[in-house]
Each structure stands twice: as structure tokens, then as C-alpha cells.
Full PDB file with SEQRES, HELIX, SHEET, SSBOND, CRYST1, ORIGX, SCALE, CONECT and MASTER records, all heavy atoms in Angstrom:
SEQRES   1 A   40  SER ARG ALA SER PRO ASN LYS THR LEU GLU GLY LEU LEU          
SEQRES   2 A   40  GLY GLY ALA ILE VAL THR VAL ALA VAL GLY VAL VAL MET          
SEQRES   3 A   40  GLY LEU VAL GLY MET PRO ALA PRO ILE ALA ASP GLY PRO          
SEQRES   4 A   40  GLY                                                          
HELIX    1 AA1 LEU A    9  VAL A   29  1                                  21    
CRYST1    1.000    1.000    1.000  90.00  90.00  90.00 P 1           1          
ORIGX1      1.000000  0.000000  0.000000        0.00000                         
ORIGX2      0.000000  1.000000  0.000000        0.00000                         
ORIGX3      0.000000  0.000000  1.000000        0.00000                         
SCALE1      1.000000  0.000000  0.000000        0.00000                         
SCALE2      0.000000  1.000000  0.000000        0.00000                         
SCALE3      0.000000  0.000000  1.000000        0.00000                         
ATOM      1  N   SER A   1       5.808   7.796  17.521  1.00  0.00           N  
ATOM      2  CA  SER A   1       5.550   7.033  18.735  1.00  0.00           C  
ATOM      3  C   SER A   1       6.803   6.994  19.584  1.00  0.00           C  
ATOM      4  O   SER A   1       7.921   6.963  19.072  1.00  0.00           O  
ATOM      5  CB  SER A   1       5.108   5.608  18.382  1.00  0.00           C  
ATOM      6  OG  SER A   1       5.053   4.792  19.528  1.00  0.00           O  
ATOM      7  N   ARG A   2       6.609   6.953  20.895  1.00  0.00           N  
ATOM      8  CA  ARG A   2       7.749   6.819  21.807  1.00  0.00           C  
ATOM      9  C   ARG A   2       8.408   5.453  21.659  1.00  0.00           C  
ATOM     10  O   ARG A   2       9.570   5.281  22.028  1.00  0.00           O  
ATOM     11  CB  ARG A   2       7.285   7.000  23.247  1.00  0.00           C  
ATOM     12  CG  ARG A   2       6.819   8.411  23.574  1.00  0.00           C  
ATOM     13  CD  ARG A   2       6.460   8.534  25.048  1.00  0.00           C  
ATOM     14  NE  ARG A   2       7.604   8.253  25.891  1.00  0.00           N  
ATOM     15  CZ  ARG A   2       7.547   8.180  27.218  1.00  0.00           C  
ATOM     16  NH1 ARG A   2       6.382   8.344  27.838  1.00  0.00           N  
ATOM     17  NH2 ARG A   2       8.625   7.935  27.926  1.00  0.00           N  
ATOM     18  N   ALA A   3       7.661   4.481  21.153  1.00  0.00           N  
ATOM     19  CA  ALA A   3       8.236   3.156  20.958  1.00  0.00           C  
ATOM     20  C   ALA A   3       9.358   3.169  19.929  1.00  0.00           C  
ATOM     21  O   ALA A   3      10.269   2.347  19.984  1.00  0.00           O  
ATOM     22  CB  ALA A   3       7.146   2.164  20.540  1.00  0.00           C  
ATOM     23  N   SER A   4       9.280   4.107  18.977  1.00  0.00           N  
ATOM     24  CA  SER A   4      10.305   4.208  17.943  1.00  0.00           C  
ATOM     25  C   SER A   4      10.471   5.669  17.558  1.00  0.00           C  
ATOM     26  O   SER A   4       9.816   6.143  16.613  1.00  0.00           O  
ATOM     27  CB  SER A   4       9.918   3.357  16.728  1.00  0.00           C  
ATOM     28  OG  SER A   4      10.936   3.378  15.752  1.00  0.00           O  
ATOM     29  N   PRO A   5      11.325   6.408  18.263  1.00  0.00           N  
ATOM     30  CA  PRO A   5      11.458   7.849  18.021  1.00  0.00           C  
ATOM     31  C   PRO A   5      11.929   8.209  16.626  1.00  0.00           C  
ATOM     32  O   PRO A   5      11.726   9.336  16.184  1.00  0.00           O  
ATOM     33  CB  PRO A   5      12.490   8.281  19.076  1.00  0.00           C  
ATOM     34  CG  PRO A   5      12.444   7.227  20.132  1.00  0.00           C  
ATOM     35  CD  PRO A   5      12.134   5.961  19.411  1.00  0.00           C  
ATOM     36  N   ASN A   6      12.552   7.280  15.907  1.00  0.00           N  
ATOM     37  CA  ASN A   6      13.026   7.589  14.561  1.00  0.00           C  
ATOM     38  C   ASN A   6      11.903   7.629  13.525  1.00  0.00           C  
ATOM     39  O   ASN A   6      12.083   8.165  12.438  1.00  0.00           O  
ATOM     40  CB  ASN A   6      14.073   6.560  14.125  1.00  0.00           C  
ATOM     41  CG  ASN A   6      15.379   6.743  14.875  1.00  0.00           C  
ATOM     42  OD1 ASN A   6      15.654   7.818  15.381  1.00  0.00           O  
ATOM     43  ND2 ASN A   6      16.156   5.688  14.952  1.00  0.00           N  
ATOM     44  N   LYS A   7      10.768   7.034  13.836  1.00  0.00           N  
ATOM     45  CA  LYS A   7       9.656   7.002  12.891  1.00  0.00           C  
ATOM     46  C   LYS A   7       8.823   8.273  13.026  1.00  0.00           C  
ATOM     47  O   LYS A   7       8.626   8.795  14.125  1.00  0.00           O  
ATOM     48  CB  LYS A   7       8.792   5.766  13.126  1.00  0.00           C  
ATOM     49  CG  LYS A   7       9.526   4.463  12.801  1.00  0.00           C  
ATOM     50  CD  LYS A   7       8.642   3.265  13.041  1.00  0.00           C  
ATOM     51  CE  LYS A   7       9.353   1.989  12.613  1.00  0.00           C  
ATOM     52  NZ  LYS A   7      10.597   1.742  13.355  1.00  0.00           N  
ATOM     53  N   THR A   8       8.322   8.742  11.890  1.00  0.00           N  
ATOM     54  CA  THR A   8       7.593  10.006  11.884  1.00  0.00           C  
ATOM     55  C   THR A   8       6.204   9.826  11.287  1.00  0.00           C  
ATOM     56  O   THR A   8       5.933   8.863  10.556  1.00  0.00           O  
ATOM     57  CB  THR A   8       8.351  11.067  11.063  1.00  0.00           C  
ATOM     58  OG1 THR A   8       8.426  10.626   9.694  1.00  0.00           O  
ATOM     59  CG2 THR A   8       9.750  11.282  11.615  1.00  0.00           C  
ATOM     60  N   LEU A   9       5.342  10.770  11.605  1.00  0.00           N  
ATOM     61  CA  LEU A   9       3.989  10.755  11.062  1.00  0.00           C  
ATOM     62  C   LEU A   9       4.010  10.939   9.547  1.00  0.00           C  
ATOM     63  O   LEU A   9       3.222  10.328   8.822  1.00  0.00           O  
ATOM     64  CB  LEU A   9       3.164  11.864  11.726  1.00  0.00           C  
ATOM     65  CG  LEU A   9       1.699  11.979  11.303  1.00  0.00           C  
ATOM     66  CD1 LEU A   9       0.943  10.694  11.611  1.00  0.00           C  
ATOM     67  CD2 LEU A   9       1.042  13.179  11.987  1.00  0.00           C  
ATOM     68  N   GLU A  10       4.918  11.784   9.060  1.00  0.00           N  
ATOM     69  CA  GLU A  10       5.026  12.001   7.616  1.00  0.00           C  
ATOM     70  C   GLU A  10       5.419  10.705   6.896  1.00  0.00           C  
ATOM     71  O   GLU A  10       4.897  10.388   5.822  1.00  0.00           O  
ATOM     72  CB  GLU A  10       6.044  13.086   7.320  1.00  0.00           C  
ATOM     73  CG  GLU A  10       5.622  14.480   7.764  1.00  0.00           C  
ATOM     74  CD  GLU A  10       5.847  14.732   9.251  1.00  0.00           C  
ATOM     75  OE1 GLU A  10       6.396  13.831   9.934  1.00  0.00           O  
ATOM     76  OE2 GLU A  10       5.473  15.816   9.736  1.00  0.00           O  
ATOM     77  N   GLY A  11       6.341   9.952   7.508  1.00  0.00           N  
ATOM     78  CA  GLY A  11       6.726   8.675   6.920  1.00  0.00           C  
ATOM     79  C   GLY A  11       5.577   7.687   6.909  1.00  0.00           C  
ATOM     80  O   GLY A  11       5.387   6.940   5.936  1.00  0.00           O  
ATOM     81  N   LEU A  12       4.780   7.669   7.991  1.00  0.00           N  
ATOM     82  CA  LEU A  12       3.629   6.774   8.055  1.00  0.00           C  
ATOM     83  C   LEU A  12       2.615   7.095   6.960  1.00  0.00           C  
ATOM     84  O   LEU A  12       2.157   6.204   6.234  1.00  0.00           O  
ATOM     85  CB  LEU A  12       2.971   6.885   9.429  1.00  0.00           C  
ATOM     86  CG  LEU A  12       1.661   6.125   9.616  1.00  0.00           C  
ATOM     87  CD1 LEU A  12       1.910   4.625   9.581  1.00  0.00           C  
ATOM     88  CD2 LEU A  12       0.977   6.536  10.919  1.00  0.00           C  
ATOM     89  N   LEU A  13       2.272   8.378   6.810  1.00  0.00           N  
ATOM     90  CA  LEU A  13       1.288   8.771   5.807  1.00  0.00           C  
ATOM     91  C   LEU A  13       1.814   8.530   4.393  1.00  0.00           C  
ATOM     92  O   LEU A  13       1.089   8.051   3.513  1.00  0.00           O  
ATOM     93  CB  LEU A  13       0.911  10.239   5.992  1.00  0.00           C  
ATOM     94  CG  LEU A  13       0.194  10.575   7.311  1.00  0.00           C  
ATOM     95  CD1 LEU A  13      -0.051  12.072   7.424  1.00  0.00           C  
ATOM     96  CD2 LEU A  13      -1.108   9.798   7.424  1.00  0.00           C  
ATOM     97  N   GLY A  14       3.083   8.862   4.171  1.00  0.00           N  
ATOM     98  CA  GLY A  14       3.664   8.629   2.849  1.00  0.00           C  
ATOM     99  C   GLY A  14       3.698   7.156   2.501  1.00  0.00           C  
ATOM    100  O   GLY A  14       3.387   6.764   1.368  1.00  0.00           O  
ATOM    101  N   GLY A  15       4.052   6.319   3.473  1.00  0.00           N  
ATOM    102  CA  GLY A  15       4.071   4.883   3.227  1.00  0.00           C  
ATOM    103  C   GLY A  15       2.690   4.330   2.925  1.00  0.00           C  
ATOM    104  O   GLY A  15       2.526   3.461   2.062  1.00  0.00           O  
ATOM    105  N   ALA A  16       1.682   4.851   3.630  1.00  0.00           N  
ATOM    106  CA  ALA A  16       0.309   4.398   3.394  1.00  0.00           C  
ATOM    107  C   ALA A  16      -0.156   4.765   1.983  1.00  0.00           C  
ATOM    108  O   ALA A  16      -0.787   3.960   1.286  1.00  0.00           O  
ATOM    109  CB  ALA A  16      -0.625   4.989   4.441  1.00  0.00           C  
ATOM    110  N   ILE A  17       0.165   5.983   1.557  1.00  0.00           N  
ATOM    111  CA  ILE A  17      -0.251   6.418   0.223  1.00  0.00           C  
ATOM    112  C   ILE A  17       0.414   5.571  -0.860  1.00  0.00           C  
ATOM    113  O   ILE A  17      -0.242   5.124  -1.813  1.00  0.00           O  
ATOM    114  CB  ILE A  17       0.081   7.912   0.026  1.00  0.00           C  
ATOM    115  CG1 ILE A  17      -0.774   8.764   0.965  1.00  0.00           C  
ATOM    116  CG2 ILE A  17      -0.119   8.326  -1.426  1.00  0.00           C  
ATOM    117  CD1 ILE A  17      -0.393  10.231   0.977  1.00  0.00           C  
ATOM    118  N   VAL A  18       1.697   5.317  -0.712  1.00  0.00           N  
ATOM    119  CA  VAL A  18       2.405   4.504  -1.710  1.00  0.00           C  
ATOM    120  C   VAL A  18       1.868   3.078  -1.713  1.00  0.00           C  
ATOM    121  O   VAL A  18       1.706   2.456  -2.780  1.00  0.00           O  
ATOM    122  CB  VAL A  18       3.917   4.527  -1.429  1.00  0.00           C  
ATOM    123  CG1 VAL A  18       4.645   3.526  -2.325  1.00  0.00           C  
ATOM    124  CG2 VAL A  18       4.478   5.925  -1.626  1.00  0.00           C  
ATOM    125  N   THR A  19       1.563   2.536  -0.543  1.00  0.00           N  
ATOM    126  CA  THR A  19       1.041   1.163  -0.472  1.00  0.00           C  
ATOM    127  C   THR A  19      -0.299   1.046  -1.193  1.00  0.00           C  
ATOM    128  O   THR A  19      -0.532   0.103  -1.960  1.00  0.00           O  
ATOM    129  CB  THR A  19       0.882   0.737   1.000  1.00  0.00           C  
ATOM    130  OG1 THR A  19       2.138   0.879   1.680  1.00  0.00           O  
ATOM    131  CG2 THR A  19       0.431  -0.702   1.101  1.00  0.00           C  
ATOM    132  N   VAL A  20      -1.185   2.002  -0.959  1.00  0.00           N  
ATOM    133  CA  VAL A  20      -2.477   1.989  -1.646  1.00  0.00           C  
ATOM    134  C   VAL A  20      -2.275   2.166  -3.148  1.00  0.00           C  
ATOM    135  O   VAL A  20      -2.983   1.537  -3.964  1.00  0.00           O  
ATOM    136  CB  VAL A  20      -3.404   3.076  -1.072  1.00  0.00           C  
ATOM    137  CG1 VAL A  20      -4.686   3.186  -1.894  1.00  0.00           C  
ATOM    138  CG2 VAL A  20      -3.731   2.771   0.381  1.00  0.00           C  
ATOM    139  N   ALA A  21      -1.315   3.000  -3.528  1.00  0.00           N  
ATOM    140  CA  ALA A  21      -1.037   3.185  -4.955  1.00  0.00           C  
ATOM    141  C   ALA A  21      -0.578   1.880  -5.594  1.00  0.00           C  
ATOM    142  O   ALA A  21      -0.979   1.552  -6.723  1.00  0.00           O  
ATOM    143  CB  ALA A  21       0.014   4.278  -5.143  1.00  0.00           C  
ATOM    144  N   VAL A  22       0.244   1.119  -4.880  1.00  0.00           N  
ATOM    145  CA  VAL A  22       0.672  -0.187  -5.406  1.00  0.00           C  
ATOM    146  C   VAL A  22      -0.526  -1.119  -5.534  1.00  0.00           C  
ATOM    147  O   VAL A  22      -0.647  -1.876  -6.509  1.00  0.00           O  
ATOM    148  CB  VAL A  22       1.752  -0.798  -4.500  1.00  0.00           C  
ATOM    149  CG1 VAL A  22       2.066  -2.228  -4.922  1.00  0.00           C  
ATOM    150  CG2 VAL A  22       3.019   0.052  -4.537  1.00  0.00           C  
ATOM    151  N   GLY A  23      -1.440  -1.059  -4.560  1.00  0.00           N  
ATOM    152  CA  GLY A  23      -2.649  -1.872  -4.656  1.00  0.00           C  
ATOM    153  C   GLY A  23      -3.501  -1.496  -5.855  1.00  0.00           C  
ATOM    154  O   GLY A  23      -4.085  -2.373  -6.512  1.00  0.00           O  
ATOM    155  N   VAL A  24      -3.601  -0.208  -6.159  1.00  0.00           N  
ATOM    156  CA  VAL A  24      -4.345   0.240  -7.343  1.00  0.00           C  
ATOM    157  C   VAL A  24      -3.708  -0.308  -8.609  1.00  0.00           C  
ATOM    158  O   VAL A  24      -4.403  -0.797  -9.521  1.00  0.00           O  
ATOM    159  CB  VAL A  24      -4.411   1.780  -7.378  1.00  0.00           C  
ATOM    160  CG1 VAL A  24      -4.974   2.268  -8.709  1.00  0.00           C  
ATOM    161  CG2 VAL A  24      -5.252   2.303  -6.212  1.00  0.00           C  
ATOM    162  N   VAL A  25      -2.384  -0.250  -8.678  1.00  0.00           N  
ATOM    163  CA  VAL A  25      -1.685  -0.775  -9.853  1.00  0.00           C  
ATOM    164  C   VAL A  25      -1.922  -2.274  -9.984  1.00  0.00           C  
ATOM    165  O   VAL A  25      -2.160  -2.802 -11.088  1.00  0.00           O  
ATOM    166  CB  VAL A  25      -0.180  -0.458  -9.761  1.00  0.00           C  
ATOM    167  CG1 VAL A  25       0.585  -1.155 -10.902  1.00  0.00           C  
ATOM    168  CG2 VAL A  25       0.056   1.040  -9.789  1.00  0.00           C  
ATOM    169  N   MET A  26      -1.884  -2.995  -8.878  1.00  0.00           N  
ATOM    170  CA  MET A  26      -2.154  -4.433  -8.916  1.00  0.00           C  
ATOM    171  C   MET A  26      -3.550  -4.711  -9.471  1.00  0.00           C  
ATOM    172  O   MET A  26      -3.760  -5.628 -10.275  1.00  0.00           O  
ATOM    173  CB  MET A  26      -2.007  -5.025  -7.509  1.00  0.00           C  
ATOM    174  CG  MET A  26      -0.570  -5.090  -7.015  1.00  0.00           C  
ATOM    175  SD  MET A  26      -0.420  -5.500  -5.246  1.00  0.00           S  
ATOM    176  CE  MET A  26      -1.439  -6.953  -5.143  1.00  0.00           C  
ATOM    177  N   GLY A  27      -4.524  -3.915  -9.009  1.00  0.00           N  
ATOM    178  CA  GLY A  27      -5.886  -4.099  -9.501  1.00  0.00           C  
ATOM    179  C   GLY A  27      -6.017  -3.793 -10.971  1.00  0.00           C  
ATOM    180  O   GLY A  27      -6.773  -4.456 -11.700  1.00  0.00           O  
ATOM    181  N   LEU A  28      -5.294  -2.786 -11.457  1.00  0.00           N  
ATOM    182  CA  LEU A  28      -5.380  -2.402 -12.871  1.00  0.00           C  
ATOM    183  C   LEU A  28      -4.738  -3.429 -13.790  1.00  0.00           C  
ATOM    184  O   LEU A  28      -5.262  -3.722 -14.872  1.00  0.00           O  
ATOM    185  CB  LEU A  28      -4.733  -1.028 -13.076  1.00  0.00           C  
ATOM    186  CG  LEU A  28      -5.470   0.162 -12.432  1.00  0.00           C  
ATOM    187  CD1 LEU A  28      -4.661   1.439 -12.610  1.00  0.00           C  
ATOM    188  CD2 LEU A  28      -6.872   0.326 -13.051  1.00  0.00           C  
ATOM    189  N   VAL A  29      -3.614  -3.978 -13.376  1.00  0.00           N  
ATOM    190  CA  VAL A  29      -2.915  -4.930 -14.242  1.00  0.00           C  
ATOM    191  C   VAL A  29      -3.418  -6.355 -14.047  1.00  0.00           C  
ATOM    192  O   VAL A  29      -3.072  -7.256 -14.814  1.00  0.00           O  
ATOM    193  CB  VAL A  29      -1.393  -4.881 -13.996  1.00  0.00           C  
ATOM    194  CG1 VAL A  29      -0.853  -3.499 -14.290  1.00  0.00           C  
ATOM    195  CG2 VAL A  29      -1.051  -5.319 -12.575  1.00  0.00           C  
ATOM    196  N   GLY A  30      -4.227  -6.590 -12.991  1.00  0.00           N  
ATOM    197  CA  GLY A  30      -4.784  -7.918 -12.762  1.00  0.00           C  
ATOM    198  C   GLY A  30      -3.795  -8.941 -12.273  1.00  0.00           C  
ATOM    199  O   GLY A  30      -3.932 -10.131 -12.540  1.00  0.00           O  
ATOM    200  N   MET A  31      -2.797  -8.512 -11.541  1.00  0.00           N  
ATOM    201  CA  MET A  31      -1.784  -9.406 -10.980  1.00  0.00           C  
ATOM    202  C   MET A  31      -1.421  -8.932  -9.574  1.00  0.00           C  
ATOM    203  O   MET A  31      -1.467  -7.738  -9.292  1.00  0.00           O  
ATOM    204  CB  MET A  31      -0.520  -9.420 -11.851  1.00  0.00           C  
ATOM    205  CG  MET A  31      -0.723 -10.018 -13.242  1.00  0.00           C  
ATOM    206  SD  MET A  31       0.806  -9.982 -14.211  1.00  0.00           S  
ATOM    207  CE  MET A  31       1.876 -10.991 -13.201  1.00  0.00           C  
ATOM    208  N   PRO A  32      -1.045  -9.823  -8.701  1.00  0.00           N  
ATOM    209  CA  PRO A  32      -1.015 -11.283  -8.865  1.00  0.00           C  
ATOM    210  C   PRO A  32      -2.360 -11.918  -8.511  1.00  0.00           C  
ATOM    211  O   PRO A  32      -3.176 -11.322  -7.818  1.00  0.00           O  
ATOM    212  CB  PRO A  32       0.056 -11.712  -7.864  1.00  0.00           C  
ATOM    213  CG  PRO A  32      -0.068 -10.711  -6.763  1.00  0.00           C  
ATOM    214  CD  PRO A  32      -0.429  -9.406  -7.423  1.00  0.00           C  
ATOM    215  N   ALA A  33      -2.591 -13.106  -9.012  1.00  0.00           N  
ATOM    216  CA  ALA A  33      -3.794 -13.864  -8.667  1.00  0.00           C  
ATOM    217  C   ALA A  33      -3.596 -14.451  -7.255  1.00  0.00           C  
ATOM    218  O   ALA A  33      -2.460 -14.708  -6.843  1.00  0.00           O  
ATOM    219  CB  ALA A  33      -4.002 -14.981  -9.685  1.00  0.00           C  
ATOM    220  N   PRO A  34      -4.648 -14.648  -6.490  1.00  0.00           N  
ATOM    221  CA  PRO A  34      -6.056 -14.477  -6.853  1.00  0.00           C  
ATOM    222  C   PRO A  34      -6.623 -13.115  -6.463  1.00  0.00           C  
ATOM    223  O   PRO A  34      -7.802 -12.869  -6.645  1.00  0.00           O  
ATOM    224  CB  PRO A  34      -6.724 -15.575  -6.012  1.00  0.00           C  
ATOM    225  CG  PRO A  34      -5.917 -15.606  -4.756  1.00  0.00           C  
ATOM    226  CD  PRO A  34      -4.497 -15.325  -5.180  1.00  0.00           C  
ATOM    227  N   ILE A  35      -5.765 -12.241  -5.917  1.00  0.00           N  
ATOM    228  CA  ILE A  35      -6.261 -10.949  -5.441  1.00  0.00           C  
ATOM    229  C   ILE A  35      -6.761 -10.090  -6.596  1.00  0.00           C  
ATOM    230  O   ILE A  35      -7.769  -9.386  -6.471  1.00  0.00           O  
ATOM    231  CB  ILE A  35      -5.146 -10.218  -4.666  1.00  0.00           C  
ATOM    232  CG1 ILE A  35      -4.944 -10.878  -3.299  1.00  0.00           C  
ATOM    233  CG2 ILE A  35      -5.458  -8.740  -4.496  1.00  0.00           C  
ATOM    234  CD1 ILE A  35      -6.128 -10.748  -2.365  1.00  0.00           C  
ATOM    235  N   ALA A  36      -6.076 -10.099  -7.721  1.00  0.00           N  
ATOM    236  CA  ALA A  36      -6.327  -9.076  -8.745  1.00  0.00           C  
ATOM    237  C   ALA A  36      -6.716  -9.629 -10.102  1.00  0.00           C  
ATOM    238  O   ALA A  36      -6.554  -8.944 -11.107  1.00  0.00           O  
ATOM    239  CB  ALA A  36      -5.074  -8.211  -8.891  1.00  0.00           C  
ATOM    240  N   ASP A  37      -7.245 -10.860 -10.180  1.00  0.00           N  
ATOM    241  CA  ASP A  37      -7.527 -11.401 -11.507  1.00  0.00           C  
ATOM    242  C   ASP A  37      -8.967 -11.859 -11.698  1.00  0.00           C  
ATOM    243  O   ASP A  37      -9.290 -12.487 -12.702  1.00  0.00           O  
ATOM    244  CB  ASP A  37      -6.602 -12.587 -11.802  1.00  0.00           C  
ATOM    245  CG  ASP A  37      -6.918 -13.783 -10.908  1.00  0.00           C  
ATOM    246  OD1 ASP A  37      -7.540 -13.567  -9.840  1.00  0.00           O  
ATOM    247  OD2 ASP A  37      -6.561 -14.912 -11.272  1.00  0.00           O  
ATOM    248  N   GLY A  38      -9.860 -11.534 -10.764  1.00  0.00           N  
ATOM    249  CA  GLY A  38     -11.243 -11.966 -10.898  1.00  0.00           C  
ATOM    250  C   GLY A  38     -12.190 -10.782 -10.918  1.00  0.00           C  
ATOM    251  O   GLY A  38     -11.771  -9.612 -10.851  1.00  0.00           O  
ATOM    252  N   PRO A  39     -13.517 -11.060 -11.031  1.00  0.00           N  
ATOM    253  CA  PRO A  39     -14.502  -9.977 -11.008  1.00  0.00           C  
ATOM    254  C   PRO A  39     -14.427  -9.186  -9.704  1.00  0.00           C  
ATOM    255  O   PRO A  39     -14.365  -9.751  -8.618  1.00  0.00           O  
ATOM    256  CB  PRO A  39     -15.836 -10.740 -11.122  1.00  0.00           C  
ATOM    257  CG  PRO A  39     -15.486 -12.044 -11.751  1.00  0.00           C  
ATOM    258  CD  PRO A  39     -14.119 -12.374 -11.249  1.00  0.00           C  
ATOM    259  N   GLY A  40     -14.425  -7.886  -9.836  1.00  0.00           N  
ATOM    260  CA  GLY A  40     -14.321  -7.033  -8.654  1.00  0.00           C  
ATOM    261  C   GLY A  40     -12.973  -7.045  -7.993  1.00  0.00           C  
ATOM    262  O   GLY A  40     -12.811  -6.560  -6.869  1.00  0.00           O  
TER     263      GLY A  40                                                      
MASTER        0    0    0    1    0    0    0    6  262    1    0    4          
END                                                                             
């Protein structure tokens, strides 16, 4: 974006993938509550 020339599309996509991966790990380990410790 012109708003921040130092940021790149590759960084955005990589950050999104890692963030979702952290969410998957949270869901698998069931922490922290209340996001990851109940049914579904």
C-alpha cells in the first residue's frame, strides 16, 4: 500500500498464514478459555 511502502504483499500473506496456524494450535490445545475450551 502507498500508505506504508515498507509493507509487502508477501509479508501480509505470510502473517495471515502464521496467525491462522496459531489459531489452529489454540483450538487443538483448548487454550485459552473461553475461545478454545468448549464444544466446537
